Amino acid sequence: MSGSDVDQPHTGPIEAAVDAARTALTAVEPNSPVEALPLLRVAQSFVTRAIDEAMAAVVVDQGGSIRTAGALAGLSENAVGPRLARTELLAAYGSGNGRVTAAGVERARYDLEEGRHRTPDEAPASAPLRFRARRNT
């Protein structure tokens, strides 16, 4: 490990999202709502990402359940699965309908334990949306 590696610690997805939100909030000028709103929206999106990544860490790294992660974040259990599917830790373990289920979490835990954890690049491709015509009856 070189000296520059020590000076530049690896930042995880939670830390990166929090830092980005902090940067956006620092740039907000409260006396100018027109200029503040876009920056507040950017900060909100990064906070949402940090919440999603933290929920993924709770279920994979700390052995919590999807229900527990949702409760800690103030979300219903049904809202957690799609949000976990957008995370770096669990994107590759989502189902075909864009959700991470308890089975996906168990597989991610097992793969991580075995040193075979999949990256988001290895996520299965989702099926393209298909057009279905309305019935005329």
N, C-alpha and C. Protein backbone atom coordinates (compact mmCIF):
# COMPACT_ATOMS: atom_id res chain seq x y z
N MET A 1 0.85 -1.18 0.00
CA MET A 1 0.00 0.00 0.00
C MET A 1 0.89 1.23 0.00
N SER A 2 0.66 2.15 -0.91
CA SER A 2 1.48 3.34 -1.00
C SER A 2 0.98 4.40 -0.04
N GLY A 3 1.77 5.42 0.17
CA GLY A 3 1.39 6.50 1.07
C GLY A 3 0.14 7.21 0.61
N SER A 4 -0.05 7.31 -0.72
CA SER A 4 -1.25 7.99 -1.21
C SER A 4 -2.52 7.20 -0.91
N ASP A 5 -2.40 5.84 -0.82
CA ASP A 5 -3.56 5.03 -0.47
C ASP A 5 -3.99 5.30 0.97
N VAL A 6 -3.03 5.55 1.84
CA VAL A 6 -3.35 5.84 3.23
C VAL A 6 -4.00 7.21 3.34
N ASP A 7 -3.51 8.18 2.54
CA ASP A 7 -4.05 9.53 2.59
C ASP A 7 -5.45 9.60 2.01
N GLN A 8 -5.81 8.71 1.08
CA GLN A 8 -7.10 8.71 0.41
C GLN A 8 -7.90 7.48 0.82
N PRO A 9 -8.58 7.51 1.97
CA PRO A 9 -9.34 6.33 2.37
C PRO A 9 -10.48 6.07 1.40
N HIS A 10 -10.79 4.78 1.23
CA HIS A 10 -11.90 4.39 0.36
C HIS A 10 -13.20 4.83 1.00
N THR A 11 -14.02 5.55 0.26
CA THR A 11 -15.31 5.98 0.79
C THR A 11 -16.39 5.05 0.28
N GLY A 12 -17.22 4.62 1.17
CA GLY A 12 -18.32 3.75 0.79
C GLY A 12 -19.46 4.55 0.20
N PRO A 13 -20.46 3.86 -0.31
CA PRO A 13 -21.58 4.56 -0.95
C PRO A 13 -22.38 5.42 0.01
N ILE A 14 -22.47 5.04 1.27
CA ILE A 14 -23.21 5.87 2.23
C ILE A 14 -22.45 7.17 2.45
N GLU A 15 -21.16 7.06 2.71
CA GLU A 15 -20.35 8.24 2.96
C GLU A 15 -20.32 9.16 1.75
N ALA A 16 -20.21 8.59 0.56
CA ALA A 16 -20.17 9.40 -0.65
C ALA A 16 -21.48 10.16 -0.83
N ALA A 17 -22.61 9.51 -0.58
CA ALA A 17 -23.90 10.17 -0.73
C ALA A 17 -24.08 11.27 0.32
N VAL A 18 -23.66 11.00 1.55
CA VAL A 18 -23.76 12.02 2.61
C VAL A 18 -22.88 13.22 2.28
N ASP A 19 -21.67 12.96 1.82
CA ASP A 19 -20.77 14.06 1.45
C ASP A 19 -21.36 14.91 0.31
N ALA A 20 -21.95 14.25 -0.68
CA ALA A 20 -22.56 14.98 -1.79
C ALA A 20 -23.75 15.81 -1.32
N ALA A 21 -24.56 15.26 -0.43
CA ALA A 21 -25.70 16.00 0.11
C ALA A 21 -25.20 17.21 0.91
N ARG A 22 -24.17 16.99 1.70
CA ARG A 22 -23.59 18.07 2.49
C ARG A 22 -23.08 19.20 1.58
N THR A 23 -22.41 18.83 0.50
CA THR A 23 -21.90 19.82 -0.45
C THR A 23 -23.04 20.63 -1.06
N ALA A 24 -24.11 19.97 -1.46
CA ALA A 24 -25.27 20.67 -2.03
C ALA A 24 -25.91 21.59 -1.01
N LEU A 25 -26.02 21.13 0.24
CA LEU A 25 -26.63 21.96 1.29
C LEU A 25 -25.77 23.17 1.63
N THR A 26 -24.48 22.99 1.57
CA THR A 26 -23.57 24.11 1.86
C THR A 26 -23.74 25.23 0.83
N ALA A 27 -24.06 24.87 -0.39
CA ALA A 27 -24.22 25.87 -1.45
C ALA A 27 -25.57 26.58 -1.43
N VAL A 28 -26.49 26.11 -0.60
CA VAL A 28 -27.83 26.71 -0.55
C VAL A 28 -27.77 28.10 0.07
N GLU A 29 -28.41 29.04 -0.60
CA GLU A 29 -28.57 30.40 -0.08
C GLU A 29 -30.02 30.53 0.37
N PRO A 30 -30.28 30.43 1.68
CA PRO A 30 -31.66 30.44 2.17
C PRO A 30 -32.45 31.70 1.81
N ASN A 31 -31.77 32.81 1.59
CA ASN A 31 -32.46 34.06 1.27
C ASN A 31 -32.88 34.13 -0.19
N SER A 32 -32.53 33.11 -0.99
CA SER A 32 -32.92 33.08 -2.40
C SER A 32 -33.57 31.74 -2.71
N PRO A 33 -34.84 31.61 -2.42
CA PRO A 33 -35.52 30.33 -2.64
C PRO A 33 -35.43 29.82 -4.07
N VAL A 34 -35.41 30.70 -5.05
CA VAL A 34 -35.33 30.29 -6.45
C VAL A 34 -34.02 29.55 -6.70
N GLU A 35 -32.95 30.02 -6.11
CA GLU A 35 -31.66 29.36 -6.27
C GLU A 35 -31.52 28.18 -5.31
N ALA A 36 -32.19 28.23 -4.18
CA ALA A 36 -32.08 27.18 -3.17
C ALA A 36 -32.80 25.90 -3.57
N LEU A 37 -33.95 26.02 -4.20
CA LEU A 37 -34.75 24.83 -4.50
C LEU A 37 -34.02 23.76 -5.30
N PRO A 38 -33.34 24.09 -6.40
CA PRO A 38 -32.64 23.03 -7.13
C PRO A 38 -31.56 22.34 -6.29
N LEU A 39 -30.86 23.12 -5.48
CA LEU A 39 -29.82 22.54 -4.63
C LEU A 39 -30.42 21.67 -3.52
N LEU A 40 -31.55 22.10 -2.99
CA LEU A 40 -32.24 21.29 -1.98
C LEU A 40 -32.72 19.97 -2.56
N ARG A 41 -33.18 20.02 -3.80
CA ARG A 41 -33.62 18.79 -4.47
C ARG A 41 -32.45 17.84 -4.69
N VAL A 42 -31.30 18.38 -5.09
CA VAL A 42 -30.10 17.56 -5.27
C VAL A 42 -29.71 16.93 -3.93
N ALA A 43 -29.71 17.73 -2.88
CA ALA A 43 -29.36 17.21 -1.55
C ALA A 43 -30.32 16.11 -1.13
N GLN A 44 -31.61 16.31 -1.40
CA GLN A 44 -32.61 15.31 -1.05
C GLN A 44 -32.35 14.00 -1.78
N SER A 45 -31.98 14.07 -3.05
CA SER A 45 -31.73 12.83 -3.80
C SER A 45 -30.52 12.09 -3.23
N PHE A 46 -29.51 12.82 -2.80
CA PHE A 46 -28.35 12.16 -2.19
C PHE A 46 -28.68 11.58 -0.82
N VAL A 47 -29.52 12.26 -0.04
CA VAL A 47 -29.94 11.72 1.25
C VAL A 47 -30.75 10.43 1.03
N THR A 48 -31.61 10.43 0.02
CA THR A 48 -32.38 9.23 -0.31
C THR A 48 -31.44 8.08 -0.67
N ARG A 49 -30.42 8.38 -1.45
CA ARG A 49 -29.44 7.34 -1.80
C ARG A 49 -28.72 6.83 -0.56
N ALA A 50 -28.35 7.73 0.35
CA ALA A 50 -27.68 7.32 1.58
C ALA A 50 -28.58 6.42 2.41
N ILE A 51 -29.86 6.75 2.48
CA ILE A 51 -30.82 5.91 3.21
C ILE A 51 -30.90 4.53 2.58
N ASP A 52 -31.00 4.48 1.26
CA ASP A 52 -31.09 3.19 0.56
C ASP A 52 -29.84 2.35 0.82
N GLU A 53 -28.67 2.96 0.71
CA GLU A 53 -27.42 2.22 0.93
C GLU A 53 -27.30 1.77 2.39
N ALA A 54 -27.77 2.59 3.32
CA ALA A 54 -27.73 2.21 4.73
C ALA A 54 -28.68 1.04 5.00
N MET A 55 -29.85 1.05 4.36
CA MET A 55 -30.77 -0.09 4.52
C MET A 55 -30.13 -1.37 3.99
N ALA A 56 -29.43 -1.27 2.85
CA ALA A 56 -28.75 -2.44 2.29
C ALA A 56 -27.69 -2.95 3.25
N ALA A 57 -26.96 -2.05 3.87
CA ALA A 57 -25.93 -2.46 4.84
C ALA A 57 -26.56 -3.12 6.06
N VAL A 58 -27.71 -2.61 6.49
CA VAL A 58 -28.40 -3.22 7.64
C VAL A 58 -28.78 -4.66 7.33
N VAL A 59 -29.35 -4.90 6.15
CA VAL A 59 -29.83 -6.25 5.86
C VAL A 59 -28.71 -7.22 5.50
N VAL A 60 -27.63 -6.74 4.88
CA VAL A 60 -26.56 -7.64 4.47
C VAL A 60 -25.48 -7.74 5.53
N ASP A 61 -24.92 -6.61 5.92
CA ASP A 61 -23.77 -6.62 6.83
C ASP A 61 -24.16 -6.87 8.28
N GLN A 62 -25.32 -6.39 8.69
CA GLN A 62 -25.69 -6.47 10.09
C GLN A 62 -26.78 -7.49 10.37
N GLY A 63 -27.20 -8.22 9.34
CA GLY A 63 -28.15 -9.32 9.54
C GLY A 63 -29.57 -8.90 9.85
N GLY A 64 -29.91 -7.65 9.63
CA GLY A 64 -31.27 -7.20 9.88
C GLY A 64 -32.22 -7.69 8.80
N SER A 65 -33.49 -7.59 9.09
CA SER A 65 -34.50 -7.99 8.11
C SER A 65 -34.91 -6.79 7.26
N ILE A 66 -35.58 -7.07 6.16
CA ILE A 66 -36.10 -6.00 5.31
C ILE A 66 -37.08 -5.15 6.11
N ARG A 67 -37.89 -5.79 6.92
CA ARG A 67 -38.86 -5.07 7.76
C ARG A 67 -38.15 -4.15 8.74
N THR A 68 -37.09 -4.64 9.37
CA THR A 68 -36.34 -3.83 10.33
C THR A 68 -35.71 -2.62 9.66
N ALA A 69 -35.10 -2.85 8.49
CA ALA A 69 -34.48 -1.74 7.76
C ALA A 69 -35.52 -0.69 7.40
N GLY A 70 -36.68 -1.13 6.95
CA GLY A 70 -37.75 -0.20 6.61
C GLY A 70 -38.22 0.59 7.82
N ALA A 71 -38.39 -0.10 8.94
CA ALA A 71 -38.85 0.57 10.15
C ALA A 71 -37.83 1.62 10.61
N LEU A 72 -36.55 1.28 10.54
CA LEU A 72 -35.51 2.23 10.93
C LEU A 72 -35.50 3.47 10.04
N ALA A 73 -35.87 3.28 8.77
CA ALA A 73 -35.88 4.39 7.81
C ALA A 73 -37.25 5.08 7.74
N GLY A 74 -38.22 4.58 8.49
CA GLY A 74 -39.55 5.17 8.46
C GLY A 74 -40.34 4.80 7.22
N LEU A 75 -40.07 3.62 6.67
CA LEU A 75 -40.74 3.16 5.45
C LEU A 75 -41.50 1.88 5.72
N SER A 76 -42.50 1.62 4.90
CA SER A 76 -43.20 0.34 5.00
C SER A 76 -42.31 -0.75 4.40
N GLU A 77 -42.54 -1.96 4.80
CA GLU A 77 -41.75 -3.08 4.29
C GLU A 77 -41.83 -3.18 2.77
N ASN A 78 -42.99 -2.91 2.20
CA ASN A 78 -43.16 -3.00 0.75
C ASN A 78 -42.37 -1.94 -0.01
N ALA A 79 -42.03 -0.85 0.63
CA ALA A 79 -41.28 0.21 -0.04
C ALA A 79 -39.78 -0.08 -0.08
N VAL A 80 -39.32 -1.01 0.72
CA VAL A 80 -37.88 -1.25 0.86
C VAL A 80 -37.30 -2.03 -0.32
N GLY A 81 -37.96 -3.06 -0.78
CA GLY A 81 -37.43 -3.93 -1.84
C GLY A 81 -36.97 -3.21 -3.09
N PRO A 82 -37.79 -2.31 -3.66
CA PRO A 82 -37.35 -1.59 -4.85
C PRO A 82 -36.17 -0.65 -4.57
N ARG A 83 -36.13 -0.11 -3.38
CA ARG A 83 -35.03 0.80 -3.03
C ARG A 83 -33.74 0.03 -2.84
N LEU A 84 -33.82 -1.18 -2.29
CA LEU A 84 -32.62 -2.01 -2.15
C LEU A 84 -32.07 -2.41 -3.51
N ALA A 85 -32.95 -2.57 -4.48
CA ALA A 85 -32.53 -2.98 -5.83
C ALA A 85 -31.72 -1.89 -6.53
N ARG A 86 -31.74 -0.67 -6.01
CA ARG A 86 -30.97 0.43 -6.60
C ARG A 86 -29.62 0.62 -5.92
N THR A 87 -29.29 -0.20 -4.93
CA THR A 87 -28.07 0.01 -4.17
C THR A 87 -26.89 -0.74 -4.77
N GLU A 88 -25.69 -0.26 -4.46
CA GLU A 88 -24.47 -0.93 -4.94
C GLU A 88 -24.36 -2.34 -4.36
N LEU A 89 -24.76 -2.50 -3.12
CA LEU A 89 -24.60 -3.78 -2.43
C LEU A 89 -25.57 -4.85 -2.93
N LEU A 90 -26.78 -4.44 -3.34
CA LEU A 90 -27.80 -5.44 -3.66
C LEU A 90 -28.38 -5.35 -5.07
N ALA A 91 -27.89 -4.46 -5.91
CA ALA A 91 -28.44 -4.31 -7.26
C ALA A 91 -28.40 -5.61 -8.04
N ALA A 92 -27.37 -6.40 -7.86
CA ALA A 92 -27.23 -7.65 -8.61
C ALA A 92 -28.10 -8.77 -8.05
N TYR A 93 -28.81 -8.52 -6.97
CA TYR A 93 -29.61 -9.56 -6.32
C TYR A 93 -31.11 -9.27 -6.39
N GLY A 94 -31.49 -8.35 -7.24
CA GLY A 94 -32.90 -8.03 -7.41
C GLY A 94 -33.60 -9.08 -8.26
N SER A 95 -34.90 -9.13 -8.09
CA SER A 95 -35.70 -10.06 -8.89
C SER A 95 -36.05 -9.40 -10.22
N GLY A 96 -36.72 -10.13 -11.07
CA GLY A 96 -37.09 -9.62 -12.38
C GLY A 96 -38.00 -8.42 -12.34
N ASN A 97 -38.72 -8.24 -11.24
CA ASN A 97 -39.63 -7.10 -11.15
C ASN A 97 -39.02 -5.90 -10.44
N GLY A 98 -37.68 -5.88 -10.31
CA GLY A 98 -37.00 -4.72 -9.76
C GLY A 98 -37.07 -4.56 -8.26
N ARG A 99 -37.14 -5.68 -7.55
CA ARG A 99 -37.19 -5.66 -6.09
C ARG A 99 -36.14 -6.62 -5.54
N VAL A 100 -35.68 -6.34 -4.35
CA VAL A 100 -34.85 -7.30 -3.63
C VAL A 100 -35.75 -7.93 -2.58
N THR A 101 -35.79 -9.25 -2.58
CA THR A 101 -36.60 -9.99 -1.63
C THR A 101 -35.70 -10.58 -0.55
N ALA A 102 -36.31 -11.23 0.44
CA ALA A 102 -35.53 -11.88 1.49
C ALA A 102 -34.60 -12.94 0.89
N ALA A 103 -35.04 -13.62 -0.16
CA ALA A 103 -34.20 -14.62 -0.81
C ALA A 103 -32.97 -13.97 -1.44
N GLY A 104 -33.14 -12.81 -2.03
CA GLY A 104 -32.02 -12.08 -2.61
C GLY A 104 -31.03 -11.63 -1.56
N VAL A 105 -31.54 -11.21 -0.42
CA VAL A 105 -30.68 -10.79 0.69
C VAL A 105 -29.88 -11.98 1.20
N GLU A 106 -30.54 -13.12 1.36
CA GLU A 106 -29.85 -14.32 1.82
C GLU A 106 -28.75 -14.74 0.85
N ARG A 107 -29.03 -14.65 -0.44
CA ARG A 107 -28.03 -14.99 -1.45
C ARG A 107 -26.85 -14.02 -1.40
N ALA A 108 -27.13 -12.74 -1.22
CA ALA A 108 -26.07 -11.73 -1.12
C ALA A 108 -25.20 -11.99 0.11
N ARG A 109 -25.83 -12.33 1.22
CA ARG A 109 -25.06 -12.64 2.44
C ARG A 109 -24.16 -13.84 2.20
N TYR A 110 -24.70 -14.88 1.60
CA TYR A 110 -23.93 -16.09 1.33
C TYR A 110 -22.76 -15.79 0.38
N ASP A 111 -23.05 -15.09 -0.71
CA ASP A 111 -22.00 -14.76 -1.68
C ASP A 111 -20.91 -13.90 -1.04
N LEU A 112 -21.29 -12.97 -0.20
CA LEU A 112 -20.31 -12.12 0.48
C LEU A 112 -19.43 -12.96 1.40
N GLU A 113 -20.06 -13.86 2.12
CA GLU A 113 -19.33 -14.75 3.03
C GLU A 113 -18.35 -15.65 2.28
N GLU A 114 -18.74 -16.07 1.09
CA GLU A 114 -17.91 -16.96 0.27
C GLU A 114 -16.91 -16.20 -0.61
N GLY A 115 -16.95 -14.86 -0.56
CA GLY A 115 -16.04 -14.07 -1.37
C GLY A 115 -16.44 -13.97 -2.83
N ARG A 116 -17.71 -14.19 -3.13
CA ARG A 116 -18.19 -14.15 -4.51
C ARG A 116 -19.27 -13.10 -4.72
N HIS A 117 -19.25 -12.07 -3.93
CA HIS A 117 -20.32 -11.06 -4.02
C HIS A 117 -20.36 -10.44 -5.40
N ARG A 118 -21.55 -10.37 -5.98
CA ARG A 118 -21.74 -9.79 -7.32
C ARG A 118 -21.78 -8.27 -7.23
N THR A 119 -21.29 -7.64 -8.27
CA THR A 119 -21.32 -6.17 -8.35
C THR A 119 -22.55 -5.73 -9.12
N PRO A 120 -22.89 -4.44 -9.06
CA PRO A 120 -24.05 -3.96 -9.83
C PRO A 120 -23.92 -4.24 -11.32
N ASP A 121 -22.70 -4.29 -11.83
CA ASP A 121 -22.50 -4.59 -13.26
C ASP A 121 -22.96 -5.99 -13.61
N GLU A 122 -23.02 -6.88 -12.62
CA GLU A 122 -23.42 -8.26 -12.85
C GLU A 122 -24.91 -8.48 -12.63
N ALA A 123 -25.63 -7.39 -12.45
CA ALA A 123 -27.08 -7.50 -12.24
C ALA A 123 -27.73 -8.05 -13.50
N PRO A 124 -28.72 -8.92 -13.34
CA PRO A 124 -29.41 -9.43 -14.51
C PRO A 124 -30.14 -8.30 -15.23
N ALA A 125 -30.11 -8.36 -16.54
CA ALA A 125 -30.80 -7.33 -17.33
C ALA A 125 -32.30 -7.48 -17.15
N SER A 126 -32.96 -6.36 -16.92
CA SER A 126 -34.41 -6.43 -16.76
C SER A 126 -35.05 -6.52 -18.13
N ALA A 127 -36.17 -7.18 -18.16
CA ALA A 127 -36.89 -7.34 -19.42
C ALA A 127 -37.41 -5.98 -19.87
N PRO A 128 -37.34 -5.70 -21.15
CA PRO A 128 -37.85 -4.41 -21.63
C PRO A 128 -39.35 -4.33 -21.44
N LEU A 129 -39.84 -3.12 -21.25
CA LEU A 129 -41.27 -2.93 -21.10
C LEU A 129 -41.96 -3.27 -22.43
N ARG A 130 -43.13 -3.87 -22.32
CA ARG A 130 -43.86 -4.23 -23.54
C ARG A 130 -45.18 -3.48 -23.57
N PHE A 131 -45.55 -3.07 -24.76
CA PHE A 131 -46.79 -2.36 -24.96
C PHE A 131 -47.93 -3.37 -25.04
N ARG A 132 -49.00 -3.12 -24.30
CA ARG A 132 -50.20 -3.94 -24.41
C ARG A 132 -51.36 -3.01 -24.73
N ALA A 133 -52.01 -3.29 -25.82
CA ALA A 133 -53.14 -2.46 -26.24
C ALA A 133 -54.31 -2.67 -25.30
N ARG A 134 -55.08 -1.61 -25.13
CA ARG A 134 -56.29 -1.71 -24.30
C ARG A 134 -57.33 -2.52 -25.06
N ARG A 135 -58.19 -3.12 -24.30
CA ARG A 135 -59.29 -3.86 -24.95
C ARG A 135 -60.34 -2.88 -25.45
N ASN A 136 -60.95 -3.21 -26.53
CA ASN A 136 -62.00 -2.35 -27.10
C ASN A 136 -63.39 -2.79 -26.70
N THR A 137 -63.50 -3.67 -25.73
CA THR A 137 -64.84 -4.14 -25.33
C THR A 137 -65.32 -3.50 -24.08
